[in-house]
Amino acid sequence: MIGTPHIGAQTREAQDRAGLAIAEEVLAVLQGREPRFRVLAND
């Protein structure tokens, strides 16, 4: 899995929040929960 959120502001705080959001989503999926933001890939 690759987490690549769009960062509208390139501030340190915005990057910290984006990193935290990615980590929370990864943990949720590893715990068997559905992700809040799903990206569907064409196979």
PDB file of N, CA and C in Angstrom:
ATOM      1  N   MET A   1       0.839  -1.159   0.000  1.00  0.00           N
ATOM      2  CA  MET A   1       0.000   0.000   0.000  1.00  0.00           C
ATOM      3  C   MET A   1       0.886   1.223   0.000  1.00  0.00           C
ATOM      4  N   ILE A   2       0.454   2.229  -0.739  1.00  0.00           N
ATOM      5  CA  ILE A   2       1.162   3.497  -0.785  1.00  0.00           C
ATOM      6  C   ILE A   2       0.198   4.588  -0.359  1.00  0.00           C
ATOM      7  N   GLY A   3       0.562   5.356   0.643  1.00  0.00           N
ATOM      8  CA  GLY A   3      -0.263   6.476   1.080  1.00  0.00           C
ATOM      9  C   GLY A   3       0.276   7.759   0.499  1.00  0.00           C
ATOM     10  N   THR A   4      -0.485   8.388  -0.375  1.00  0.00           N
ATOM     11  CA  THR A   4      -0.033   9.620  -1.009  1.00  0.00           C
ATOM     12  C   THR A   4      -1.146  10.664  -0.988  1.00  0.00           C
ATOM     13  N   PRO A   5      -1.369  11.286   0.151  1.00  0.00           N
ATOM     14  CA  PRO A   5      -2.422  12.288   0.208  1.00  0.00           C
ATOM     15  C   PRO A   5      -2.013  13.562  -0.522  1.00  0.00           C
ATOM     16  N   HIS A   6      -2.994  14.269  -1.031  1.00  0.00           N
ATOM     17  CA  HIS A   6      -2.732  15.578  -1.609  1.00  0.00           C
ATOM     18  C   HIS A   6      -2.531  16.546  -0.453  1.00  0.00           C
ATOM     19  N   ILE A   7      -1.467  17.291  -0.508  1.00  0.00           N
ATOM     20  CA  ILE A   7      -1.207  18.271   0.549  1.00  0.00           C
ATOM     21  C   ILE A   7      -1.366  19.653  -0.068  1.00  0.00           C
ATOM     22  N   GLY A   8      -2.473  20.297   0.260  1.00  0.00           N
ATOM     23  CA  GLY A   8      -2.763  21.613  -0.302  1.00  0.00           C
ATOM     24  C   GLY A   8      -1.815  22.682   0.215  1.00  0.00           C
ATOM     25  N   ALA A   9      -1.377  22.554   1.431  1.00  0.00           N
ATOM     26  CA  ALA A   9      -0.447  23.514   2.013  1.00  0.00           C
ATOM     27  C   ALA A   9       0.838  22.780   2.385  1.00  0.00           C
ATOM     28  N   GLN A  10       1.921  23.340   2.018  1.00  0.00           N
ATOM     29  CA  GLN A  10       3.191  22.685   2.284  1.00  0.00           C
ATOM     30  C   GLN A  10       3.809  23.142   3.609  1.00  0.00           C
ATOM     31  N   THR A  11       2.975  23.332   4.604  1.00  0.00           N
ATOM     32  CA  THR A  11       3.501  23.713   5.912  1.00  0.00           C
ATOM     33  C   THR A  11       3.856  22.453   6.693  1.00  0.00           C
ATOM     34  N   ARG A  12       4.686  22.611   7.653  1.00  0.00           N
ATOM     35  CA  ARG A  12       5.077  21.496   8.513  1.00  0.00           C
ATOM     36  C   ARG A  12       3.856  20.907   9.211  1.00  0.00           C
ATOM     37  N   GLU A  13       2.964  21.772   9.682  1.00  0.00           N
ATOM     38  CA  GLU A  13       1.772  21.313  10.387  1.00  0.00           C
ATOM     39  C   GLU A  13       0.863  20.494   9.466  1.00  0.00           C
ATOM     40  N   ALA A  14       0.697  20.951   8.237  1.00  0.00           N
ATOM     41  CA  ALA A  14      -0.141  20.220   7.282  1.00  0.00           C
ATOM     42  C   ALA A  14       0.467  18.862   6.965  1.00  0.00           C
ATOM     43  N   GLN A  15       1.763  18.804   6.811  1.00  0.00           N
ATOM     44  CA  GLN A  15       2.425  17.529   6.543  1.00  0.00           C
ATOM     45  C   GLN A  15       2.315  16.598   7.736  1.00  0.00           C
ATOM     46  N   ASP A  16       2.423  17.137   8.945  1.00  0.00           N
ATOM     47  CA  ASP A  16       2.271  16.311  10.155  1.00  0.00           C
ATOM     48  C   ASP A  16       0.863  15.719  10.236  1.00  0.00           C
ATOM     49  N   ARG A  17      -0.154  16.548   9.958  1.00  0.00           N
ATOM     50  CA  ARG A  17      -1.540  16.061  10.001  1.00  0.00           C
ATOM     51  C   ARG A  17      -1.789  15.003   8.929  1.00  0.00           C
ATOM     52  N   ALA A  18      -1.216  15.195   7.747  1.00  0.00           N
ATOM     53  CA  ALA A  18      -1.398  14.212   6.678  1.00  0.00           C
ATOM     54  C   ALA A  18      -0.746  12.889   7.065  1.00  0.00           C
ATOM     55  N   GLY A  19       0.436  12.941   7.642  1.00  0.00           N
ATOM     56  CA  GLY A  19       1.107  11.721   8.086  1.00  0.00           C
ATOM     57  C   GLY A  19       0.319  10.996   9.157  1.00  0.00           C
ATOM     58  N   LEU A  20      -0.253  11.741  10.073  1.00  0.00           N
ATOM     59  CA  LEU A  20      -1.072  11.148  11.128  1.00  0.00           C
ATOM     60  C   LEU A  20      -2.319  10.489  10.538  1.00  0.00           C
ATOM     61  N   ALA A  21      -2.947  11.161   9.574  1.00  0.00           N
ATOM     62  CA  ALA A  21      -4.139  10.596   8.933  1.00  0.00           C
ATOM     63  C   ALA A  21      -3.808   9.293   8.226  1.00  0.00           C
ATOM     64  N   ILE A  22      -2.674   9.233   7.542  1.00  0.00           N
ATOM     65  CA  ILE A  22      -2.260   8.002   6.862  1.00  0.00           C
ATOM     66  C   ILE A  22      -2.052   6.893   7.881  1.00  0.00           C
ATOM     67  N   ALA A  23      -1.340   7.194   8.964  1.00  0.00           N
ATOM     68  CA  ALA A  23      -1.069   6.183   9.985  1.00  0.00           C
ATOM     69  C   ALA A  23      -2.369   5.658  10.600  1.00  0.00           C
ATOM     70  N   GLU A  24      -3.320   6.546  10.857  1.00  0.00           N
ATOM     71  CA  GLU A  24      -4.599   6.116  11.425  1.00  0.00           C
ATOM     72  C   GLU A  24      -5.361   5.215  10.459  1.00  0.00           C
ATOM     73  N   GLU A  25      -5.318   5.524   9.171  1.00  0.00           N
ATOM     74  CA  GLU A  25      -6.002   4.697   8.173  1.00  0.00           C
ATOM     75  C   GLU A  25      -5.347   3.322   8.044  1.00  0.00           C
ATOM     76  N   VAL A  26      -4.025   3.282   8.060  1.00  0.00           N
ATOM     77  CA  VAL A  26      -3.317   1.998   7.987  1.00  0.00           C
ATOM     78  C   VAL A  26      -3.681   1.137   9.190  1.00  0.00           C
ATOM     79  N   LEU A  27      -3.669   1.722  10.378  1.00  0.00           N
ATOM     80  CA  LEU A  27      -4.031   0.964  11.585  1.00  0.00           C
ATOM     81  C   LEU A  27      -5.464   0.456  11.509  1.00  0.00           C
ATOM     82  N   ALA A  28      -6.372   1.289  11.021  1.00  0.00           N
ATOM     83  CA  ALA A  28      -7.772   0.869  10.914  1.00  0.00           C
ATOM     84  C   ALA A  28      -7.900  -0.345  10.009  1.00  0.00           C
ATOM     85  N   VAL A  29      -7.243  -0.326   8.864  1.00  0.00           N
ATOM     86  CA  VAL A  29      -7.320  -1.449   7.931  1.00  0.00           C
ATOM     87  C   VAL A  29      -6.685  -2.696   8.538  1.00  0.00           C
ATOM     88  N   LEU A  30      -5.556  -2.538   9.214  1.00  0.00           N
ATOM     89  CA  LEU A  30      -4.901  -3.687   9.844  1.00  0.00           C
ATOM     90  C   LEU A  30      -5.758  -4.288  10.957  1.00  0.00           C
ATOM     91  N   GLN A  31      -6.634  -3.477  11.541  1.00  0.00           N
ATOM     92  CA  GLN A  31      -7.539  -3.956  12.581  1.00  0.00           C
ATOM     93  C   GLN A  31      -8.847  -4.490  11.998  1.00  0.00           C
ATOM     94  N   GLY A  32      -8.925  -4.546  10.683  1.00  0.00           N
ATOM     95  CA  GLY A  32     -10.092  -5.119  10.033  1.00  0.00           C
ATOM     96  C   GLY A  32     -11.220  -4.155   9.741  1.00  0.00           C
ATOM     97  N   ARG A  33     -10.990  -2.877   9.958  1.00  0.00           N
ATOM     98  CA  ARG A  33     -12.030  -1.890   9.688  1.00  0.00           C
ATOM     99  C   ARG A  33     -11.906  -1.375   8.261  1.00  0.00           C
ATOM    100  N   GLU A  34     -12.985  -0.823   7.758  1.00  0.00           N
ATOM    101  CA  GLU A  34     -12.980  -0.252   6.413  1.00  0.00           C
ATOM    102  C   GLU A  34     -12.253   1.100   6.431  1.00  0.00           C
ATOM    103  N   PRO A  35     -11.488   1.388   5.401  1.00  0.00           N
ATOM    104  CA  PRO A  35     -10.848   2.711   5.336  1.00  0.00           C
ATOM    105  C   PRO A  35     -11.883   3.793   5.061  1.00  0.00           C
ATOM    106  N   ARG A  36     -11.622   5.002   5.523  1.00  0.00           N
ATOM    107  CA  ARG A  36     -12.531   6.117   5.262  1.00  0.00           C
ATOM    108  C   ARG A  36     -12.463   6.542   3.812  1.00  0.00           C
ATOM    109  N   PHE A  37     -11.292   6.457   3.215  1.00  0.00           N
ATOM    110  CA  PHE A  37     -11.090   6.907   1.841  1.00  0.00           C
ATOM    111  C   PHE A  37     -10.531   5.747   1.034  1.00  0.00           C
ATOM    112  N   ARG A  38     -11.343   5.224   0.146  1.00  0.00           N
ATOM    113  CA  ARG A  38     -10.941   4.053  -0.644  1.00  0.00           C
ATOM    114  C   ARG A  38     -10.636   4.503  -2.072  1.00  0.00           C
ATOM    115  N   VAL A  39      -9.553   3.968  -2.607  1.00  0.00           N
ATOM    116  CA  VAL A  39      -9.209   4.209  -4.000  1.00  0.00           C
ATOM    117  C   VAL A  39      -9.317   2.879  -4.713  1.00  0.00           C
ATOM    118  N   LEU A  40     -10.094   2.872  -5.766  1.00  0.00           N
ATOM    119  CA  LEU A  40     -10.275   1.650  -6.533  1.00  0.00           C
ATOM    120  C   LEU A  40      -9.335   1.644  -7.726  1.00  0.00           C
ATOM    121  N   ALA A  41      -8.606   0.568  -7.877  1.00  0.00           N
ATOM    122  CA  ALA A  41      -7.691   0.438  -9.007  1.00  0.00           C
ATOM    123  C   ALA A  41      -8.336  -0.440 -10.066  1.00  0.00           C
ATOM    124  N   ASN A  42      -8.114  -0.114 -11.305  1.00  0.00           N
ATOM    125  CA  ASN A  42      -8.602  -0.945 -12.407  1.00  0.00           C
ATOM    126  C   ASN A  42      -7.623  -2.088 -12.611  1.00  0.00           C
ATOM    127  N   ASP A  43      -8.115  -3.304 -12.487  1.00  0.00           N
ATOM    128  CA  ASP A  43      -7.243  -4.473 -12.658  1.00  0.00           C
ATOM    129  C   ASP A  43      -7.236  -4.927 -14.094  1.00  0.00           C
TER     130      ASP A  43
END
